[in-house]
Amino acid sequence: MGGGDTAGRLVRPFALTGGRTRPSRADLTLITTVTAVDPPPTWATRPQPEHQRILRLCAEPVAVAELAALLDLPVSVIVIMLDDLLEAGRITVRSPRSVTRTPPDLDLLQKVREGLGRL
């Protein structure tokens, strides 16, 4: 093994996904929050060590992008693995709330401006 892989990973990313290049779901984004289910349901098959690492990191809500960074894996691989965990009922996902465009409250902005002018 070469010394360039700081994580000491022995398995190539494509092997972690079973050769799949796309998840079955398209709604997992970089800012989707992932949380492990507690108590976890039982696995039908033995989970991969990477799945177990994801579940440990997801004990508290964590974003998909952060998981990829913590595990030093491409986001595309993380999304496929999260898809597996979601289908197994091991995690829940929460999409970011949409921000509605409302016009600014001009009265409030004027008060803020006046307050800043007094500083």
Protein backbone atom coordinates (compact mmCIF):
# COMPACT_ATOMS: atom_id res chain seq x y z
CA MET A 1 0.00 0.00 0.00
CA GLY A 2 1.30 3.47 -0.80
CA GLY A 3 1.81 6.05 1.90
CA GLY A 4 -0.31 8.68 0.13
CA ASP A 5 -3.63 7.54 1.57
CA THR A 6 -3.84 9.26 4.94
CA ALA A 7 -7.00 7.40 5.97
CA GLY A 8 -5.31 4.02 5.44
CA ARG A 9 -8.30 2.92 3.39
CA LEU A 10 -7.93 -0.59 1.99
CA VAL A 11 -11.14 -0.60 -0.05
CA ARG A 12 -11.64 1.49 -3.18
CA PRO A 13 -14.70 3.80 -3.15
CA PHE A 14 -16.42 1.96 -6.02
CA ALA A 15 -16.24 -1.24 -3.99
CA LEU A 16 -18.08 0.46 -1.11
CA THR A 17 -21.04 1.11 -3.38
CA GLY A 18 -21.09 -2.30 -5.03
CA GLY A 19 -20.04 -0.64 -8.28
CA ARG A 20 -23.10 1.64 -8.32
CA THR A 21 -22.54 5.17 -9.49
CA ARG A 22 -25.96 6.65 -8.69
CA PRO A 23 -28.26 6.43 -5.66
CA SER A 24 -31.86 5.32 -6.12
CA ARG A 25 -32.95 8.65 -4.54
CA ALA A 26 -32.14 12.05 -5.95
CA ASP A 27 -33.14 14.15 -2.94
CA LEU A 28 -29.96 13.82 -0.86
CA THR A 29 -28.05 17.08 -1.22
CA LEU A 30 -24.88 18.40 0.39
CA ILE A 31 -26.88 20.11 3.11
CA THR A 32 -29.36 17.31 3.82
CA THR A 33 -29.17 16.41 7.52
CA VAL A 34 -28.76 12.73 8.42
CA THR A 35 -29.47 11.13 11.81
CA ALA A 36 -29.07 7.50 12.91
CA VAL A 37 -32.25 5.75 14.05
CA ASP A 38 -32.25 4.87 17.74
CA PRO A 39 -32.67 2.06 18.56
CA PRO A 40 -31.33 0.72 15.30
CA PRO A 41 -33.29 -1.96 13.45
CA THR A 42 -31.49 -5.23 12.81
CA TRP A 43 -29.52 -5.73 9.61
CA ALA A 44 -30.51 -8.40 7.12
CA THR A 45 -26.82 -8.78 6.24
CA ARG A 46 -23.59 -7.81 7.95
CA PRO A 47 -22.99 -4.06 7.47
CA GLN A 48 -19.79 -2.76 5.96
CA PRO A 49 -17.40 -1.04 8.39
CA GLU A 50 -17.96 2.22 6.53
CA HIS A 51 -21.71 1.95 7.14
CA GLN A 52 -21.00 1.47 10.83
CA ARG A 53 -18.71 4.53 10.83
CA ILE A 54 -21.45 6.60 9.19
CA LEU A 55 -23.95 5.48 11.82
CA ARG A 56 -21.57 6.44 14.65
CA LEU A 57 -21.06 9.88 13.13
CA CYS A 58 -24.83 10.26 12.68
CA ALA A 59 -25.65 9.78 16.36
CA GLU A 60 -26.30 13.52 16.23
CA PRO A 61 -27.67 15.21 13.08
CA VAL A 62 -24.92 15.81 10.52
CA ALA A 63 -24.91 17.18 6.97
CA VAL A 64 -24.03 14.97 4.00
CA ALA A 65 -21.08 17.24 3.08
CA GLU A 66 -19.70 17.00 6.60
CA LEU A 67 -19.92 13.20 6.54
CA ALA A 68 -17.97 13.12 3.29
CA ALA A 69 -15.28 15.33 4.80
CA LEU A 70 -15.08 13.35 8.05
CA LEU A 71 -14.84 10.03 6.22
CA ASP A 72 -12.55 11.37 3.48
CA LEU A 73 -14.79 9.88 0.79
CA PRO A 74 -16.35 11.46 -2.31
CA VAL A 75 -19.84 12.87 -1.74
CA SER A 76 -21.16 10.62 -4.50
CA VAL A 77 -20.03 7.54 -2.55
CA ILE A 78 -21.46 8.86 0.72
CA VAL A 79 -24.83 9.54 -0.92
CA ILE A 80 -25.04 5.97 -2.25
CA MET A 81 -24.10 4.55 1.15
CA LEU A 82 -26.65 6.81 2.87
CA ASP A 83 -29.23 5.57 0.38
CA ASP A 84 -28.46 2.01 1.51
CA LEU A 85 -28.81 3.00 5.17
CA LEU A 86 -32.07 4.81 4.49
CA GLU A 87 -33.54 1.80 2.68
CA ALA A 88 -32.51 -0.39 5.64
CA GLY A 89 -34.29 1.97 8.03
CA ARG A 90 -31.04 2.82 9.85
CA ILE A 91 -31.13 6.60 9.29
CA THR A 92 -33.56 9.43 8.82
CA VAL A 93 -32.92 12.35 6.50
CA ARG A 94 -34.15 15.89 6.70
CA SER A 95 -34.02 18.17 3.72
CA PRO A 96 -33.23 21.81 4.36
CA ARG A 97 -36.23 24.03 4.82
CA SER A 98 -37.00 26.20 1.88
CA VAL A 99 -36.61 29.88 2.48
CA THR A 100 -39.52 31.90 1.21
CA ARG A 101 -38.84 35.25 -0.32
CA THR A 102 -40.77 37.85 1.60
CA PRO A 103 -40.32 41.55 1.04
CA PRO A 104 -38.21 43.21 3.72
CA ASP A 105 -40.00 45.07 6.49
CA LEU A 106 -39.07 48.64 5.56
CA ASP A 107 -40.17 50.00 8.96
CA LEU A 108 -37.87 47.55 10.75
CA LEU A 109 -34.98 48.36 8.41
CA GLN A 110 -35.47 52.08 9.06
CA LYS A 111 -35.36 51.49 12.83
CA VAL A 112 -32.17 49.44 12.49
CA ARG A 113 -30.61 52.18 10.36
CA GLU A 114 -31.54 54.81 12.94
CA GLY A 115 -30.18 52.66 15.75
CA LEU A 116 -26.88 52.16 13.91
CA GLY A 117 -26.69 55.88 13.24
CA ARG A 118 -26.83 56.54 16.97
CA LEU A 119 -23.78 54.34 17.65
